[in-house]
Amino acid sequence: MPTWIVVVTWASRSVLLLLALLSIGSLSVMIDRSRAFKKANRDDLQLKDLKGWIISKDQSSLANWANTHEGVRAHLIRAMLSVPSQSDAIQFAVKSFLADQRMILSRGLPVLATLGSNAPFIGLFGTVLGIIQAFGALAQQQSAMQSVMSAISEALVATAVGLFVAIPAVMAYNVYFQKLRTLTMECESLRDLYLAHLTSASGPRKQDV
């Protein structure tokens, strides 16, 4: 068998090994993000209850709850209560807090997005190598039907494995991205409600005559 066919054969199998490693890496990212979002959402309180405390200006209940919990919403409440009761100070505190949380919770999501978009092409590359191997074997031996079929099978396996890596990665990315978006919107909603009632508590502004 010519050297180039041997090289193509091993390159095709290397692609399968690479896809297997990428699949393991993708799974580890999914598990890590699942734990991170579970930790971020472990507050045992409904969003409407938090909004009820804010509307009723029950600062003591907000502070007591926030100081005894470790979820993102609890940290948000602590961030708002730890700064002076001024709109600018609260907005900047929440903005800084949300920026940090986005960096923490989005860690690993670019990996899933990259795998989801590129794994099929890696599998397609393995397929092309397998087809080249099949035609190489066919050119060397007229009766090499078994070798050709084996090479084509390996080629199709590469495509299947590429899709097997890509599809779960894309699904996981969409799920975690939506969770991050929902959590961020909840935090922004709490901030805006808090600011609205803080402003109303200070009374209407006097208009210039």
Protein backbone atom coordinates (compact mmCIF):
# COMPACT_ATOMS: atom_id res chain seq x y z
CA MET A 1 0.00 0.00 0.00
CA PRO A 2 1.45 3.41 -0.94
CA THR A 3 2.70 5.66 1.85
CA TRP A 4 0.20 8.41 1.07
CA ILE A 5 -2.73 6.08 1.61
CA VAL A 6 -1.32 5.06 4.99
CA VAL A 7 -0.93 8.74 5.92
CA VAL A 8 -4.50 9.53 4.86
CA THR A 9 -5.77 6.52 6.82
CA TRP A 10 -4.09 7.65 10.02
CA ALA A 11 -5.17 11.26 9.43
CA SER A 12 -8.78 10.10 9.12
CA ARG A 13 -8.55 8.16 12.37
CA SER A 14 -6.87 11.15 14.04
CA VAL A 15 -9.91 13.23 13.13
CA LEU A 16 -12.13 10.72 14.92
CA LEU A 17 -9.88 10.88 17.97
CA LEU A 18 -9.99 14.68 17.89
CA LEU A 19 -13.78 14.63 17.73
CA ALA A 20 -13.90 12.24 20.67
CA LEU A 21 -11.70 14.59 22.72
CA LEU A 22 -13.85 17.57 21.72
CA SER A 23 -16.94 15.66 22.79
CA ILE A 24 -15.41 15.07 26.22
CA GLY A 25 -14.45 18.74 26.47
CA SER A 26 -17.94 19.82 25.48
CA LEU A 27 -19.49 17.54 28.09
CA SER A 28 -17.21 18.91 30.80
CA VAL A 29 -18.22 22.48 29.91
CA MET A 30 -21.90 21.51 30.05
CA ILE A 31 -21.50 19.97 33.50
CA ASP A 32 -19.54 22.97 34.78
CA ARG A 33 -22.12 25.48 33.47
CA SER A 34 -24.97 23.40 34.88
CA ARG A 35 -23.40 23.64 38.34
CA ALA A 36 -22.70 27.37 37.91
CA PHE A 37 -26.29 28.22 36.96
CA LYS A 38 -27.66 25.98 39.69
CA LYS A 39 -25.55 27.89 42.20
CA ALA A 40 -26.64 31.22 40.73
CA ASN A 41 -30.34 30.31 41.02
CA ARG A 42 -30.41 28.68 44.44
CA ASP A 43 -32.37 31.50 46.09
CA ASP A 44 -35.44 29.96 47.70
CA LEU A 45 -37.66 32.94 47.03
CA GLN A 46 -39.95 33.97 44.22
CA LEU A 47 -39.15 37.09 42.23
CA LYS A 48 -42.58 38.51 43.07
CA ASP A 49 -41.77 38.32 46.80
CA LEU A 50 -38.63 40.38 46.30
CA LYS A 51 -40.59 42.92 44.29
CA GLY A 52 -43.21 42.99 47.05
CA TRP A 53 -40.57 43.94 49.63
CA ILE A 54 -39.21 46.62 47.31
CA ILE A 55 -42.65 48.10 46.65
CA SER A 56 -43.49 48.12 50.37
CA LYS A 57 -40.02 49.57 51.10
CA ASP A 58 -39.30 46.73 53.54
CA GLN A 59 -35.55 47.26 53.72
CA SER A 60 -35.06 45.03 56.75
CA SER A 61 -36.64 41.99 55.07
CA LEU A 62 -34.57 42.60 51.94
CA ALA A 63 -31.37 42.90 53.94
CA ASN A 64 -32.07 39.86 56.14
CA TRP A 65 -32.89 37.67 53.16
CA ALA A 66 -29.94 38.87 51.09
CA ASN A 67 -27.48 38.31 53.94
CA THR A 68 -28.57 34.69 54.39
CA HIS A 69 -28.48 33.59 50.76
CA GLU A 70 -25.80 33.22 48.10
CA GLY A 71 -27.64 33.34 44.78
CA VAL A 72 -27.22 36.07 42.20
CA ARG A 73 -30.36 37.94 43.27
CA ALA A 74 -29.20 37.97 46.89
CA HIS A 75 -25.83 39.38 45.84
CA LEU A 76 -27.65 41.98 43.75
CA ILE A 77 -29.71 43.14 46.72
CA ARG A 78 -26.57 43.37 48.86
CA ALA A 79 -24.86 45.40 46.14
CA MET A 80 -27.76 47.88 46.02
CA LEU A 81 -28.01 48.18 49.79
CA SER A 82 -24.26 48.63 50.27
CA VAL A 83 -24.08 51.96 48.42
CA PRO A 84 -25.62 55.35 49.22
CA SER A 85 -29.31 55.65 48.38
CA GLN A 86 -28.69 57.62 45.23
CA SER A 87 -29.71 56.64 41.72
CA ASP A 88 -26.27 57.02 40.18
CA ALA A 89 -24.53 55.05 42.90
CA ILE A 90 -27.04 52.19 42.68
CA GLN A 91 -26.92 52.08 38.89
CA PHE A 92 -23.14 51.91 38.82
CA ALA A 93 -23.06 49.26 41.56
CA VAL A 94 -25.56 47.07 39.71
CA LYS A 95 -23.81 47.63 36.39
CA SER A 96 -20.50 46.51 37.87
CA PHE A 97 -22.13 43.53 39.57
CA LEU A 98 -23.89 42.35 36.40
CA ALA A 99 -20.71 42.72 34.35
CA ASP A 100 -18.89 40.44 36.80
CA GLN A 101 -21.73 37.92 36.78
CA ARG A 102 -21.85 37.83 32.99
CA MET A 103 -18.15 37.04 32.87
CA ILE A 104 -18.54 34.30 35.46
CA LEU A 105 -21.67 32.66 34.04
CA SER A 106 -20.67 32.94 30.37
CA ARG A 107 -17.36 31.18 30.98
CA GLY A 108 -17.14 28.22 28.61
CA LEU A 109 -20.07 29.28 26.42
CA PRO A 110 -17.77 30.43 23.58
CA VAL A 111 -16.31 26.92 23.59
CA LEU A 112 -19.77 25.42 23.07
CA ALA A 113 -20.53 27.94 20.33
CA THR A 114 -17.24 27.17 18.58
CA LEU A 115 -17.77 23.42 18.77
CA GLY A 116 -21.33 23.74 17.58
CA SER A 117 -20.31 25.68 14.49
CA ASN A 118 -17.07 23.87 13.63
CA ALA A 119 -17.45 20.23 14.68
CA PRO A 120 -19.51 19.35 11.55
CA PHE A 121 -16.71 20.73 9.37
CA ILE A 122 -14.15 18.66 11.25
CA GLY A 123 -16.32 15.61 10.66
CA LEU A 124 -16.66 16.56 7.00
CA PHE A 125 -12.88 16.78 6.78
CA GLY A 126 -12.67 13.25 8.15
CA THR A 127 -15.23 12.18 5.59
CA VAL A 128 -13.18 13.65 2.74
CA LEU A 129 -10.09 11.84 4.00
CA GLY A 130 -12.04 8.59 4.16
CA ILE A 131 -13.27 9.00 0.59
CA ILE A 132 -9.73 9.69 -0.58
CA GLN A 133 -8.59 6.55 1.21
CA ALA A 134 -11.38 4.53 -0.42
CA PHE A 135 -10.54 5.65 -3.94
CA GLY A 136 -6.84 5.12 -3.27
CA ALA A 137 -7.51 1.54 -2.26
CA LEU A 138 -9.75 1.06 -5.32
CA ALA A 139 -7.03 2.38 -7.63
CA GLN A 140 -4.46 -0.03 -6.21
CA GLN A 141 -6.53 -3.18 -6.41
CA GLN A 142 -9.41 -3.86 -8.72
CA SER A 143 -10.84 -6.41 -6.27
CA ALA A 144 -10.48 -4.16 -3.20
CA MET A 145 -14.22 -3.79 -2.63
CA GLN A 146 -13.96 -4.73 1.04
CA SER A 147 -11.26 -2.10 1.66
CA VAL A 148 -13.31 0.50 -0.19
CA MET A 149 -16.44 -0.23 1.82
CA SER A 150 -14.46 -0.12 5.06
CA ALA A 151 -12.96 3.24 4.16
CA ILE A 152 -16.35 4.69 3.20
CA SER A 153 -17.82 3.44 6.47
CA GLU A 154 -15.08 5.22 8.42
CA ALA A 155 -15.76 8.35 6.39
CA LEU A 156 -19.47 8.30 7.24
CA VAL A 157 -18.68 7.65 10.90
CA ALA A 158 -16.59 10.84 10.92
CA THR A 159 -19.58 12.86 9.69
CA ALA A 160 -21.88 11.26 12.25
CA VAL A 161 -19.46 11.90 15.12
CA GLY A 162 -19.06 15.52 14.01
CA LEU A 163 -22.80 16.01 14.20
CA PHE A 164 -22.90 14.13 17.51
CA VAL A 165 -20.47 16.70 18.95
CA ALA A 166 -22.08 19.75 17.34
CA ILE A 167 -25.77 19.24 18.07
CA PRO A 168 -25.54 18.91 21.89
CA ALA A 169 -23.05 21.81 22.00
CA VAL A 170 -25.44 24.10 20.10
CA MET A 171 -28.39 23.04 22.27
CA ALA A 172 -26.43 23.57 25.49
CA TYR A 173 -25.18 26.97 24.32
CA ASN A 174 -28.71 28.14 23.54
CA VAL A 175 -30.05 26.88 26.88
CA TYR A 176 -27.32 28.49 28.99
CA PHE A 177 -27.35 31.71 26.99
CA GLN A 178 -31.10 32.00 27.57
CA LYS A 179 -30.64 31.32 31.29
CA LEU A 180 -27.99 34.04 31.48
CA ARG A 181 -30.25 36.44 29.61
CA THR A 182 -33.22 35.67 31.87
CA LEU A 183 -31.18 36.09 35.04
CA THR A 184 -29.75 39.39 33.81
CA MET A 185 -33.22 40.69 32.91
CA GLU A 186 -34.52 39.73 36.37
CA CYS A 187 -31.68 41.62 38.03
CA GLU A 188 -32.25 44.67 35.85
CA SER A 189 -35.97 44.52 36.64
CA LEU A 190 -35.25 44.49 40.38
CA ARG A 191 -32.83 47.39 39.99
CA ASP A 192 -35.30 49.50 38.02
CA LEU A 193 -38.11 48.79 40.48
CA TYR A 194 -35.85 49.65 43.42
CA LEU A 195 -34.78 52.91 41.77
CA ALA A 196 -38.37 53.81 40.92
CA HIS A 197 -39.52 53.47 44.53
CA LEU A 198 -36.38 55.15 45.82
CA THR A 199 -37.15 58.16 43.62
CA SER A 200 -40.80 58.20 44.67
CA ALA A 201 -39.75 58.06 48.33
CA SER A 202 -37.69 61.22 47.94
CA GLY A 203 -40.77 63.09 46.69
CA PRO A 204 -41.48 64.88 43.44
CA ARG A 205 -38.89 67.26 42.13
CA LYS A 206 -39.63 70.94 42.13
CA GLN A 207 -40.03 72.47 38.73
CA ASP A 208 -38.11 75.55 37.81
CA VAL A 209 -40.23 78.65 37.68
